[in-house]
Amino acid sequence: MPAGEAPDGDAGGARPVIDVLVADDDPVVRFGLRMMLGGAPDLRVVAEAGDGAEAVELARRHRPDVVLMDIRMPGTDGLTATETLRARPSAPQVMVLTTFDADAHVLRALRAGAAGFLLKDTPPDELVLAIRHAARGRPVLSPEVTRRLIARVAEAGQDTRRDAARRRLGVLADRERTVAAEIGAGRTNAEIAARHHLGLTTVKTHVSAILAKLDLNNRVQVALLVQEAGALPPE
């Protein structure tokens, strides 16, 4: 949990400090990330790890809010570490770091419950904003990037995946399936509410029910499942 507060910049407001763990096998990258995050008063790097096993251990010790996780590391890689971390109670949010904006490995991390992914050359201000969103449980993937990534699901085992995904979505009520489909299209709660003449609170209730019934962590996982099922809504 956050251990302190930092100025928010809003009329005397305060923003909880977000504890961050950086996991990357390149010490230069770790140093660069620490420097970029150091300029944000509400972010605090509490530990650095050089591989996935160390990241898991340091996360247990320091209980960060967000982990910046490189995919390719020696020994225990970032994907395995992400799966281990997200399976724990009170799991930290995990942001995958990659040099490839369409890396197929990212799909595995997203299915494991990662909050999204960032390119290693992401500008500092965007990196800071992404971490803030992740700490609040908001997936960090633009609709365009989401569509580009989840489209790769169709590359192998399409029929088997589609049938399994449709069975899973079958547990949802009709309105919940409609909302899930809109999530799959990358739409926000406000956009879903406007398209279907629903109250924002009602949409949020449906989203919570969808996550609970499907035993998923976040909207990205819902989007992946919808894509696999071929259940995207009409434009």
Protein backbone atom coordinates (compact mmCIF):
# COMPACT_ATOMS: atom_id res chain seq x y z
CA MET A 1 0.00 0.00 0.00
CA PRO A 2 1.19 3.57 -0.52
CA ALA A 3 3.22 4.74 2.41
CA GLY A 4 2.87 8.50 2.09
CA GLU A 5 1.48 11.42 0.21
CA ALA A 6 2.84 13.87 -2.31
CA PRO A 7 1.66 17.20 -3.63
CA ASP A 8 -0.93 16.89 -6.35
CA GLY A 9 -0.61 20.37 -7.77
CA ASP A 10 -4.36 20.92 -7.35
CA ALA A 11 -5.55 23.58 -4.90
CA GLY A 12 -4.07 22.10 -1.80
CA GLY A 13 -4.90 18.53 -2.76
CA ALA A 14 -2.63 15.57 -2.20
CA ARG A 15 -1.99 12.44 -4.21
CA PRO A 16 -0.97 9.15 -2.55
CA VAL A 17 2.59 8.10 -3.25
CA ILE A 18 2.83 5.20 -5.69
CA ASP A 19 5.58 2.72 -4.90
CA VAL A 20 7.23 1.31 -8.03
CA LEU A 21 9.52 -1.68 -8.56
CA VAL A 22 11.64 -1.66 -11.73
CA ALA A 23 12.62 -5.06 -13.19
CA ASP A 24 15.06 -5.08 -16.12
CA ASP A 25 18.31 -6.97 -16.66
CA ASP A 26 20.02 -3.87 -18.09
CA PRO A 27 21.31 -1.60 -15.32
CA VAL A 28 21.41 1.33 -17.74
CA VAL A 29 17.68 0.92 -18.44
CA ARG A 30 16.95 0.67 -14.71
CA PHE A 31 18.95 3.84 -14.07
CA GLY A 32 17.12 5.66 -16.84
CA LEU A 33 13.72 4.62 -15.54
CA ARG A 34 14.64 5.67 -12.01
CA MET A 35 15.74 9.08 -13.28
CA MET A 36 12.55 9.56 -15.31
CA LEU A 37 10.32 8.63 -12.40
CA GLY A 38 12.33 10.70 -9.94
CA GLY A 39 10.83 13.92 -11.28
CA ALA A 40 7.30 12.94 -10.21
CA PRO A 41 6.64 13.74 -6.53
CA ASP A 42 3.99 11.03 -6.24
CA LEU A 43 6.17 8.18 -7.58
CA ARG A 44 8.84 6.39 -5.56
CA VAL A 45 11.10 3.61 -6.85
CA VAL A 46 11.37 1.25 -3.88
CA ALA A 47 13.48 -1.50 -5.49
CA GLU A 48 15.22 -2.64 -8.67
CA ALA A 49 15.47 -6.22 -9.93
CA GLY A 50 17.74 -7.74 -12.56
CA ASP A 51 15.57 -10.77 -13.34
CA GLY A 52 12.12 -12.18 -12.77
CA ALA A 53 12.93 -14.24 -9.69
CA GLU A 54 14.44 -11.22 -7.98
CA ALA A 55 11.43 -9.13 -8.98
CA VAL A 56 9.08 -11.63 -7.33
CA GLU A 57 11.14 -11.67 -4.13
CA LEU A 58 11.52 -7.90 -3.95
CA ALA A 59 7.81 -7.44 -4.62
CA ARG A 60 7.06 -9.71 -1.67
CA ARG A 61 9.41 -7.69 0.51
CA HIS A 62 8.52 -4.13 -0.57
CA ARG A 63 4.86 -4.57 -1.65
CA PRO A 64 4.98 -2.06 -4.54
CA ASP A 65 1.84 -0.71 -6.11
CA VAL A 66 3.19 -1.05 -9.66
CA VAL A 67 5.92 -3.21 -11.19
CA LEU A 68 7.60 -2.16 -14.44
CA MET A 69 8.51 -5.57 -15.86
CA ASP A 70 10.84 -6.27 -18.78
CA ILE A 71 9.81 -9.33 -20.79
CA ARG A 72 13.21 -10.69 -21.78
CA MET A 73 15.44 -11.35 -18.77
CA PRO A 74 17.85 -14.20 -17.99
CA GLY A 75 16.70 -16.97 -15.69
CA THR A 76 13.11 -16.30 -14.73
CA ASP A 77 11.71 -14.07 -17.47
CA GLY A 78 9.22 -11.25 -17.05
CA LEU A 79 6.27 -13.30 -18.29
CA THR A 80 6.72 -15.99 -15.66
CA ALA A 81 7.28 -13.35 -12.99
CA THR A 82 4.12 -11.52 -14.06
CA GLU A 83 2.06 -14.70 -13.80
CA THR A 84 3.50 -15.42 -10.35
CA LEU A 85 2.87 -11.90 -9.06
CA ARG A 86 -0.65 -11.58 -10.41
CA ALA A 87 -1.65 -14.93 -8.87
CA ARG A 88 -0.89 -13.60 -5.39
CA PRO A 89 -3.40 -11.99 -3.03
CA SER A 90 -3.09 -8.17 -3.04
CA ALA A 91 -1.05 -8.44 -6.25
CA PRO A 92 0.72 -5.35 -7.56
CA GLN A 93 -0.25 -3.97 -10.94
CA VAL A 94 2.27 -5.02 -13.59
CA MET A 95 3.23 -2.89 -16.57
CA VAL A 96 5.12 -4.86 -19.21
CA LEU A 97 8.15 -3.15 -20.75
CA THR A 98 9.00 -4.06 -24.33
CA THR A 99 10.80 -2.78 -27.39
CA PHE A 100 8.15 -4.31 -29.67
CA ASP A 101 4.67 -2.79 -29.95
CA ALA A 102 3.23 -6.02 -31.39
CA ASP A 103 5.22 -8.60 -29.45
CA ALA A 104 3.20 -11.84 -29.25
CA HIS A 105 4.60 -12.43 -25.75
CA VAL A 106 2.67 -9.40 -24.54
CA LEU A 107 -0.55 -11.39 -25.02
CA ARG A 108 0.55 -13.92 -22.44
CA ALA A 109 1.31 -11.13 -19.97
CA LEU A 110 -2.08 -9.51 -20.58
CA ARG A 111 -3.88 -12.81 -20.09
CA ALA A 112 -2.02 -13.19 -16.80
CA GLY A 113 -3.51 -9.90 -15.63
CA ALA A 114 -0.88 -7.32 -16.54
CA ALA A 115 -2.30 -3.80 -16.59
CA GLY A 116 -0.89 -3.16 -20.05
CA PHE A 117 2.42 -2.50 -21.69
CA LEU A 118 4.81 0.34 -22.41
CA LEU A 119 7.52 0.73 -24.98
CA LYS A 120 10.92 1.38 -23.47
CA ASP A 121 11.19 4.64 -25.41
CA THR A 122 7.93 5.99 -23.97
CA PRO A 123 8.35 9.72 -23.16
CA PRO A 124 8.77 10.42 -19.41
CA ASP A 125 5.46 12.28 -19.02
CA GLU A 126 3.54 9.44 -20.68
CA LEU A 127 5.37 6.87 -18.54
CA VAL A 128 4.43 8.71 -15.34
CA LEU A 129 0.80 9.02 -16.43
CA ALA A 130 0.66 5.34 -17.37
CA ILE A 131 1.94 4.32 -13.93
CA ARG A 132 -0.66 6.51 -12.25
CA HIS A 133 -3.40 4.88 -14.34
CA ALA A 134 -2.08 1.38 -13.60
CA ALA A 135 -1.97 2.09 -9.86
CA ARG A 136 -5.68 2.88 -10.06
CA GLY A 137 -6.42 -0.34 -11.91
CA ARG A 138 -6.92 1.34 -15.29
CA PRO A 139 -5.49 -0.64 -18.22
CA VAL A 140 -2.83 1.26 -20.15
CA LEU A 141 -3.57 0.37 -23.77
CA SER A 142 -5.08 2.67 -26.35
CA PRO A 143 -8.00 1.20 -28.33
CA GLU A 144 -5.84 1.11 -31.47
CA VAL A 145 -3.03 -0.77 -29.76
CA THR A 146 -5.53 -3.09 -28.07
CA ARG A 147 -7.07 -4.04 -31.41
CA ARG A 148 -3.65 -4.57 -33.00
CA LEU A 149 -2.48 -6.84 -30.19
CA ILE A 150 -5.59 -8.91 -29.66
CA ALA A 151 -5.96 -9.47 -33.39
CA ARG A 152 -2.91 -11.75 -33.10
CA VAL A 153 -5.03 -14.20 -31.14
CA ALA A 154 -6.47 -15.37 -34.44
CA GLU A 155 -3.10 -16.56 -35.75
CA ALA A 156 -3.28 -20.03 -34.21
CA GLY A 157 -6.00 -22.35 -32.92
CA GLN A 158 -8.71 -19.94 -33.99
CA ASP A 159 -11.66 -22.35 -33.94
CA THR A 160 -10.74 -23.91 -30.61
CA ARG A 161 -10.16 -20.54 -29.00
CA ARG A 162 -13.39 -19.13 -30.40
CA ASP A 163 -15.50 -21.97 -29.10
CA ALA A 164 -13.91 -21.83 -25.65
CA ALA A 165 -14.27 -18.04 -25.47
CA ARG A 166 -17.93 -18.19 -26.51
CA ARG A 167 -18.64 -20.75 -23.79
CA ARG A 168 -17.07 -18.46 -21.21
CA LEU A 169 -19.05 -15.43 -22.39
CA GLY A 170 -22.18 -17.57 -22.25
CA VAL A 171 -22.32 -17.20 -18.46
CA LEU A 172 -23.04 -13.49 -18.84
CA ALA A 173 -26.50 -11.94 -18.92
CA ASP A 174 -27.54 -10.32 -22.19
CA ARG A 175 -26.74 -6.76 -21.09
CA GLU A 176 -23.42 -7.91 -19.65
CA ARG A 177 -22.49 -9.50 -22.98
CA THR A 178 -23.32 -6.22 -24.71
CA VAL A 179 -21.08 -4.28 -22.35
CA ALA A 180 -18.33 -6.88 -22.71
CA ALA A 181 -18.47 -6.53 -26.49
CA GLU A 182 -18.06 -2.76 -26.19
CA ILE A 183 -15.07 -3.27 -23.91
CA GLY A 184 -13.64 -5.51 -26.62
CA ALA A 185 -13.95 -2.59 -29.03
CA GLY A 186 -11.87 -0.45 -26.67
CA ARG A 187 -14.68 1.84 -25.53
CA THR A 188 -14.69 3.56 -22.16
CA ASN A 189 -17.51 3.30 -19.62
CA ALA A 190 -18.74 6.75 -20.64
CA GLU A 191 -18.80 5.78 -24.32
CA ILE A 192 -20.66 2.56 -23.54
CA ALA A 193 -23.21 4.47 -21.46
CA ALA A 194 -23.82 6.95 -24.29
CA ARG A 195 -24.13 4.27 -27.00
CA HIS A 196 -26.67 2.22 -25.04
CA HIS A 197 -28.50 4.98 -23.13
CA LEU A 198 -27.34 3.67 -19.76
CA GLY A 199 -26.28 5.45 -16.61
CA LEU A 200 -22.54 5.46 -15.93
CA THR A 201 -23.10 3.76 -12.57
CA THR A 202 -25.07 1.02 -14.32
CA VAL A 203 -22.23 0.41 -16.77
CA LYS A 204 -19.72 0.23 -13.90
CA THR A 205 -21.95 -2.31 -12.17
CA HIS A 206 -22.06 -4.42 -15.33
CA VAL A 207 -18.28 -4.23 -15.71
CA SER A 208 -17.79 -5.40 -12.12
CA ALA A 209 -20.19 -8.28 -12.70
CA ILE A 210 -18.40 -9.26 -15.92
CA LEU A 211 -15.01 -9.37 -14.20
CA ALA A 212 -16.41 -11.39 -11.31
CA LYS A 213 -18.31 -13.93 -13.45
CA LEU A 214 -15.39 -14.45 -15.81
CA ASP A 215 -12.80 -14.45 -12.99
CA LEU A 216 -10.73 -11.79 -14.75
CA ASN A 217 -8.57 -8.99 -13.37
CA ASN A 218 -9.14 -6.16 -15.81
CA ARG A 219 -10.72 -4.86 -19.00
CA VAL A 220 -7.83 -5.92 -21.21
CA GLN A 221 -8.52 -9.56 -20.39
CA VAL A 222 -12.20 -9.00 -21.24
CA ALA A 223 -11.19 -7.45 -24.57
CA LEU A 224 -9.00 -10.44 -25.39
CA LEU A 225 -11.81 -12.87 -24.61
CA VAL A 226 -14.30 -10.93 -26.73
CA GLN A 227 -11.85 -10.87 -29.64
CA GLU A 228 -11.28 -14.62 -29.34
CA ALA A 229 -15.04 -15.18 -29.36
CA GLY A 230 -15.50 -12.99 -32.43
CA ALA A 231 -18.05 -11.02 -30.41
CA LEU A 232 -17.12 -7.43 -31.25
CA PRO A 233 -20.14 -5.09 -31.61
CA PRO A 234 -21.19 -3.49 -34.89
CA GLU A 235 -19.66 -0.08 -35.53
